[in-house]
């Protein structure tokens, strides 16, 4: 490009003179000199290579708690629809806003938020809550975990794409419910690798992304040991409500399954999450659960009790 510009500058004036256009020779020579100078200039680096375009994701504070064996507390992201006098939501569609995410980030009780999109996935909801969390000025970095529809329902390609999308939208982790067996868990861990996620795990304590698997039927719970030994994910939990339903309402058997998953998770160095209320949060902490999940109007009270029990 540079040599070609210089060649044009040298030869074109002679061509003009040959064709009787000498009167324009000086003007065109000046234009071509400017053209050649521009061609010789160093090009600006692409925008993608500038330092300003690189924005590393900060590490959520909840990981530091789990590394120290300290219980963390969170809530289900609440539906913001108003309720009528009967306590029922007004309007058919759930409501999650960026402003709501910002308010949640201001509450110092919450180490993480659990956004449940298992029945109805919506990327715009993830975007709004994530933007709200990141726009708020808070002393601590509240983590956002997003539960998506089961792999068995959505399929591999859709699940893989959703994991990548959720992480690109700024969430800290993805929760996969109803993992059925070891092979499905292995594939699920591979989806995070495909997304280029730096997954926090016992083998990668410097990671920043949270990958959580839930075992919610008897066959899956029976495989908790080999699933716990798989690499590439962060949290193993038992969905006690779904397991109770799968066992025909046998809550005692479901509790046994929950404790089995807890035992295997602790053996493998993985945190285990469970829902808790004011009556059992003390017991769940004593049992060794490191992620306590509250919901409803009493959520803050549950967390205050839990924090007191765990000396936080």
Protein backbone atom coordinates (compact mmCIF):
# COMPACT_ATOMS: atom_id res chain seq x y z
CA UNK A 1 0.00 0.00 0.00
CA UNK A 2 2.77 2.44 0.92
CA UNK A 3 4.99 1.58 -2.09
CA UNK A 4 2.01 1.78 -4.42
CA UNK A 5 1.21 5.32 -3.21
CA UNK A 6 4.76 6.48 -3.78
CA UNK A 7 4.80 4.98 -7.28
CA UNK A 8 1.63 6.85 -8.22
CA UNK A 9 3.14 10.13 -7.01
CA UNK A 10 6.22 9.60 -9.22
CA UNK A 11 4.53 8.43 -12.43
CA UNK A 12 1.17 10.20 -12.67
CA UNK A 13 2.56 13.72 -13.31
CA UNK A 14 4.47 12.38 -16.36
CA UNK A 15 1.29 10.82 -17.67
CA UNK A 16 -0.57 14.09 -17.23
CA UNK A 17 2.15 15.99 -19.09
CA UNK A 18 2.03 13.53 -21.96
CA UNK A 19 -1.68 14.08 -22.37
CA UNK A 20 -1.50 17.88 -22.26
CA UNK A 21 -2.74 18.26 -18.70
CA UNK A 22 0.33 20.03 -17.30
CA UNK A 23 -1.75 22.84 -15.84
CA UNK A 24 -3.16 20.46 -13.25
CA UNK A 25 0.13 18.78 -12.48
CA UNK A 26 1.06 20.71 -9.34
CA UNK A 27 -2.39 20.42 -7.79
CA UNK A 28 -2.68 16.70 -8.36
CA UNK A 29 0.85 16.11 -7.16
CA UNK A 30 -0.02 17.80 -3.87
CA UNK A 31 -3.14 15.63 -3.45
CA UNK A 32 -1.18 12.47 -4.13
CA UNK A 33 1.54 13.42 -1.66
CA UNK A 34 -1.14 13.77 1.02
CA UNK A 35 -2.56 10.40 0.00
CA UNK A 36 0.82 8.72 0.28
CA UNK A 37 1.43 10.30 3.72
CA UNK A 38 -1.85 8.91 4.99
CA UNK A 39 -0.96 5.48 3.63
CA UNK A 40 2.38 5.57 5.43
CA UNK A 41 0.84 6.44 8.81
CA UNK A 42 0.61 3.72 11.47
CA UNK A 43 -2.96 2.41 11.74
CA UNK A 44 -4.78 2.76 15.09
CA UNK A 45 -5.13 -0.48 17.03
CA UNK A 46 -8.54 -2.17 16.89
CA UNK A 47 -10.90 -1.21 19.73
CA UNK A 48 -10.98 -4.80 20.95
CA UNK A 49 -7.27 -4.63 21.75
CA UNK A 50 -7.40 -1.53 23.93
CA UNK A 51 -7.19 -1.85 27.70
CA UNK A 52 -10.47 0.05 28.13
CA UNK A 53 -12.44 -2.75 26.47
CA UNK A 54 -11.30 -5.37 28.96
CA UNK A 55 -13.56 -5.50 32.03
CA UNK A 56 -12.75 -8.49 34.25
CA UNK A 57 -15.61 -9.85 36.35
CA UNK A 58 -15.05 -9.24 40.08
CA UNK A 59 -15.05 -12.22 42.40
CA UNK A 60 -18.24 -12.52 44.51
CA UNK A 61 -17.65 -12.29 48.26
CA UNK A 62 -19.66 -15.46 48.94
CA UNK A 63 -16.75 -17.56 47.66
CA UNK A 64 -14.51 -16.26 50.42
CA UNK A 65 -17.09 -17.37 52.99
CA UNK A 66 -17.32 -20.88 51.60
CA UNK A 67 -13.56 -21.23 51.40
CA UNK A 68 -13.44 -20.51 55.13
CA UNK A 69 -16.31 -22.89 55.89
CA UNK A 70 -18.60 -20.02 56.90
CA UNK A 71 -22.35 -20.22 56.12
CA UNK A 72 -23.68 -17.81 53.50
CA UNK A 73 -27.25 -16.55 53.33
CA UNK A 74 -29.46 -15.56 50.45
CA UNK A 75 -33.04 -15.17 49.29
CA UNK A 76 -35.17 -16.01 46.30
CA UNK A 77 -35.41 -12.83 44.21
CA UNK A 78 -38.97 -11.71 45.06
CA UNK A 79 -41.73 -11.08 42.55
CA UNK A 80 -42.39 -7.32 42.63
CA UNK A 81 -46.04 -7.44 41.63
CA UNK A 82 -48.36 -5.80 44.14
CA UNK A 83 -50.64 -8.04 46.17
CA UNK A 84 -54.34 -7.60 46.72
CA UNK A 85 -56.19 -7.70 50.02
CA UNK A 86 -56.36 -11.48 49.76
CA UNK A 87 -52.58 -11.67 49.53
CA UNK A 88 -52.63 -12.86 45.93
CA UNK A 89 -50.48 -11.24 43.26
CA UNK A 90 -52.18 -8.71 41.00
CA UNK A 91 -51.48 -9.37 37.34
CA UNK A 92 -50.64 -12.59 35.51
CA UNK A 93 -46.95 -12.01 34.77
CA UNK A 94 -44.13 -11.98 37.28
CA UNK A 95 -42.34 -8.66 37.71
CA UNK A 96 -38.59 -8.18 38.19
CA UNK A 97 -37.01 -4.76 37.68
CA UNK A 98 -33.57 -3.21 37.66
CA UNK A 99 -34.65 -0.97 40.55
CA UNK A 100 -35.63 -4.06 42.51
CA UNK A 101 -32.20 -5.56 41.94
CA UNK A 102 -30.56 -2.37 43.16
CA UNK A 103 -32.65 -2.42 46.35
CA UNK A 104 -31.69 -6.00 47.07
CA UNK A 105 -28.02 -5.15 46.64
CA UNK A 106 -28.33 -2.53 49.38
CA UNK A 107 -29.41 -5.11 51.98
CA UNK A 108 -26.27 -6.18 53.88
CA UNK A 109 -27.90 -9.44 55.01
CA UNK A 110 -27.74 -11.01 51.54
CA UNK A 111 -24.61 -12.82 50.40
CA UNK A 112 -26.32 -14.08 47.27
CA UNK A 113 -29.59 -13.85 45.37
CA UNK A 114 -31.34 -16.88 43.87
CA UNK A 115 -33.27 -15.99 40.70
CA UNK A 116 -35.64 -18.86 39.95
CA UNK A 117 -36.38 -19.16 36.21
CA UNK A 118 -36.83 -22.93 36.20
CA UNK A 119 -40.40 -22.82 34.89
CA UNK A 120 -40.09 -19.77 32.66
CA UNK A 121 -36.70 -18.72 31.36
CA UNK A 122 -36.37 -15.03 30.47
CA UNK A 123 -33.01 -13.46 29.61
CA UNK A 124 -34.43 -9.95 30.07
CA UNK A 125 -35.14 -10.72 33.72
CA UNK A 126 -31.53 -11.82 34.19
CA UNK A 127 -30.35 -8.61 32.54
CA UNK A 128 -32.51 -6.35 34.70
CA UNK A 129 -31.60 -7.94 38.03
CA UNK A 130 -27.91 -8.11 37.13
CA UNK A 131 -27.83 -4.47 36.05
CA UNK A 132 -29.61 -3.45 39.24
CA UNK A 133 -27.12 -5.31 41.40
CA UNK A 134 -24.12 -3.82 39.65
CA UNK A 135 -25.52 -0.29 39.62
CA UNK A 136 -25.92 -0.18 43.39
CA UNK A 137 -23.12 1.02 45.63
CA UNK A 138 -22.76 -1.65 48.29
CA UNK A 139 -19.96 -2.59 50.66
CA UNK A 140 -20.06 -6.23 49.55
CA UNK A 141 -20.42 -7.98 46.21
CA UNK A 142 -23.77 -9.82 46.24
CA UNK A 143 -23.69 -12.89 44.00
CA UNK A 144 -26.48 -13.65 41.53
CA UNK A 145 -27.37 -17.30 40.87
CA UNK A 146 -29.91 -18.13 38.15
CA UNK A 147 -31.84 -21.41 38.10
CA UNK A 148 -32.80 -22.53 34.60
CA UNK A 149 -35.12 -25.26 33.25
CA UNK A 150 -33.83 -28.84 33.61
CA UNK A 151 -31.44 -30.22 31.06
CA UNK A 152 -33.79 -33.13 30.36
CA UNK A 153 -36.49 -30.67 29.25
CA UNK A 154 -34.45 -28.01 27.45
CA UNK A 155 -31.85 -30.25 25.78
CA UNK A 156 -28.10 -29.87 25.53
CA UNK A 157 -27.83 -27.08 22.96
CA UNK A 158 -30.42 -24.81 24.57
CA UNK A 159 -28.96 -25.37 28.04
CA UNK A 160 -25.43 -24.68 26.81
CA UNK A 161 -26.59 -21.46 25.13
CA UNK A 162 -28.49 -20.31 28.23
CA UNK A 163 -25.48 -20.81 30.49
CA UNK A 164 -23.32 -18.71 28.19
CA UNK A 165 -26.03 -16.05 27.88
CA UNK A 166 -26.60 -15.79 31.63
CA UNK A 167 -22.90 -15.39 32.36
CA UNK A 168 -22.54 -12.82 29.57
CA UNK A 169 -25.39 -10.85 31.17
CA UNK A 170 -23.40 -10.51 34.38
CA UNK A 171 -24.74 -13.27 36.63
CA UNK A 172 -22.24 -15.04 38.88
CA UNK A 173 -23.56 -18.54 38.45
CA UNK A 174 -26.12 -20.93 37.02
CA UNK A 175 -28.16 -23.58 38.85
CA UNK A 176 -29.10 -26.76 36.97
CA UNK A 177 -32.04 -28.57 38.63
CA UNK A 178 -33.05 -32.22 38.28
CA UNK A 179 -29.64 -33.61 37.33
CA UNK A 180 -30.50 -37.28 36.71
CA UNK A 181 -27.20 -39.17 36.78
CA UNK A 182 -23.42 -39.02 36.59
CA UNK A 183 -23.31 -38.71 32.81
CA UNK A 184 -25.74 -35.79 32.78
CA UNK A 185 -23.74 -34.05 35.50
CA UNK A 186 -20.56 -34.54 33.47
CA UNK A 187 -22.18 -33.02 30.38
CA UNK A 188 -23.51 -30.10 32.42
CA UNK A 189 -20.04 -29.33 33.76
CA UNK A 190 -18.80 -29.37 30.16
CA UNK A 191 -21.28 -26.62 29.22
CA UNK A 192 -19.54 -24.23 31.62
CA UNK A 193 -16.20 -25.14 30.08
CA UNK A 194 -17.65 -24.50 26.61
CA UNK A 195 -18.73 -21.04 27.80
CA UNK A 196 -15.17 -20.24 28.88
CA UNK A 197 -16.26 -19.92 32.51
CA UNK A 198 -13.62 -19.93 35.25
CA UNK A 199 -15.61 -22.17 37.59
CA UNK A 200 -14.82 -22.05 41.30
CA UNK A 201 -14.35 -25.57 42.71
CA UNK A 202 -12.12 -27.49 45.13
CA UNK A 203 -9.69 -28.02 42.26
CA UNK A 204 -9.86 -24.35 41.18
CA UNK A 205 -10.14 -22.16 44.30
CA UNK A 206 -9.23 -19.03 42.31
CA UNK A 207 -12.28 -19.38 40.05
CA UNK A 208 -15.04 -16.78 39.93
CA UNK A 209 -18.08 -18.53 38.39
CA UNK A 210 -20.50 -20.67 40.41
CA UNK A 211 -21.94 -23.85 38.88
CA UNK A 212 -24.58 -25.57 41.00
CA UNK A 213 -26.17 -28.99 40.46
CA UNK A 214 -29.36 -30.20 42.15
CA UNK A 215 -30.31 -33.86 42.72
CA UNK A 216 -34.08 -34.18 43.08
CA UNK A 217 -35.14 -37.77 42.46
CA UNK A 218 -34.21 -41.05 44.20
CA UNK A 219 -32.04 -42.42 41.37
CA UNK A 220 -29.97 -39.24 41.23
CA UNK A 221 -29.59 -39.10 45.02
CA UNK A 222 -28.32 -42.69 44.97
CA UNK A 223 -25.51 -41.50 42.67
CA UNK A 224 -24.53 -38.56 44.87
CA UNK A 225 -21.10 -40.07 45.62
CA UNK A 226 -19.78 -40.36 42.05
CA UNK A 227 -21.45 -37.08 41.09
CA UNK A 228 -19.70 -35.32 43.98
CA UNK A 229 -16.37 -36.62 42.68
CA UNK A 230 -16.80 -35.03 39.25
CA UNK A 231 -14.65 -31.95 38.54
CA UNK A 232 -15.80 -28.63 37.14
CA UNK A 233 -18.61 -27.44 39.38
CA UNK A 234 -19.10 -25.61 42.67
CA UNK A 235 -22.18 -26.65 44.69
CA UNK A 236 -24.06 -29.92 45.08
CA UNK A 237 -27.51 -29.80 46.65
CA UNK A 238 -30.63 -31.88 47.12
CA UNK A 239 -33.98 -30.38 46.20
CA UNK A 240 -35.82 -31.67 49.25
CA UNK A 241 -39.23 -30.46 48.12
CA UNK A 242 -39.04 -32.17 44.73
CA UNK A 243 -37.52 -35.27 46.29
CA UNK A 244 -40.40 -35.43 48.78
CA UNK A 245 -42.84 -35.35 45.88
CA UNK A 246 -40.92 -38.03 43.99
CA UNK A 247 -41.10 -40.21 47.11
CA UNK A 248 -44.87 -39.90 47.35
CA UNK A 249 -44.80 -37.30 50.10
CA UNK A 250 -42.46 -39.22 52.40
CA UNK A 251 -40.71 -36.31 54.07
CA UNK A 252 -38.65 -38.54 56.36
CA UNK A 253 -37.19 -40.45 53.41
CA UNK A 254 -36.53 -37.16 51.62
CA UNK A 255 -34.64 -35.89 54.66
CA UNK A 256 -32.49 -39.03 54.58
CA UNK A 257 -31.72 -38.35 50.93
CA UNK A 258 -30.87 -34.76 51.72
CA UNK A 259 -28.44 -35.83 54.43
CA UNK A 260 -26.84 -38.36 52.06
CA UNK A 261 -26.19 -35.64 49.47
CA UNK A 262 -24.86 -33.36 52.20
CA UNK A 263 -22.46 -36.06 53.40
CA UNK A 264 -21.08 -36.66 49.91
CA UNK A 265 -20.80 -32.95 49.18
CA UNK A 266 -18.86 -32.30 52.37
CA UNK A 267 -16.57 -35.25 51.65
CA UNK A 268 -15.77 -33.76 48.24
CA UNK A 269 -15.26 -30.24 49.64
CA UNK A 270 -18.40 -28.81 48.00
CA UNK A 271 -20.86 -26.43 49.69
CA UNK A 272 -24.46 -27.62 49.94
CA UNK A 273 -27.49 -25.31 49.68
CA UNK A 274 -30.87 -25.81 51.34
CA UNK A 275 -33.96 -23.75 52.04
CA UNK A 276 -34.39 -22.68 55.66
CA UNK A 277 -36.91 -21.00 57.92
CA UNK A 278 -36.85 -19.45 61.39
CA UNK A 279 -37.54 -22.82 63.03
CA UNK A 280 -34.79 -24.86 61.39
CA UNK A 281 -32.03 -22.48 60.25
CA UNK A 282 -30.05 -23.16 63.46
CA UNK A 283 -30.29 -26.92 62.90
CA UNK A 284 -29.31 -26.67 59.22
CA UNK A 285 -26.21 -24.70 60.10
CA UNK A 286 -25.23 -27.22 62.75
CA UNK A 287 -25.67 -30.01 60.21
CA UNK A 288 -23.08 -28.38 57.96
CA UNK A 289 -25.04 -26.64 55.20
CA UNK A 290 -23.02 -23.68 53.93
CA UNK A 291 -25.69 -21.98 51.80
CA UNK A 292 -29.00 -21.17 53.48
CA UNK A 293 -31.83 -19.92 51.26
CA UNK A 294 -34.77 -17.97 52.70
CA UNK A 295 -37.94 -16.64 51.15
CA UNK A 296 -41.07 -14.63 51.89
CA UNK A 297 -41.76 -11.81 54.35
CA UNK A 298 -39.76 -13.50 57.14
CA UNK A 299 -36.60 -13.96 55.06
CA UNK A 300 -34.62 -11.23 56.80
CA UNK A 301 -35.54 -12.62 60.22
CA UNK A 302 -34.36 -16.08 59.17
CA UNK A 303 -31.03 -14.68 58.00
CA UNK A 304 -30.56 -12.61 61.16
CA UNK A 305 -31.02 -15.78 63.24
CA UNK A 306 -28.62 -17.68 61.01
CA UNK A 307 -25.99 -14.99 61.16
CA UNK A 308 -26.19 -14.91 64.93
CA UNK A 309 -25.82 -18.69 65.13
CA UNK A 310 -22.79 -18.63 62.84
CA UNK A 311 -21.26 -15.62 64.68
CA UNK A 312 -21.41 -13.31 61.71
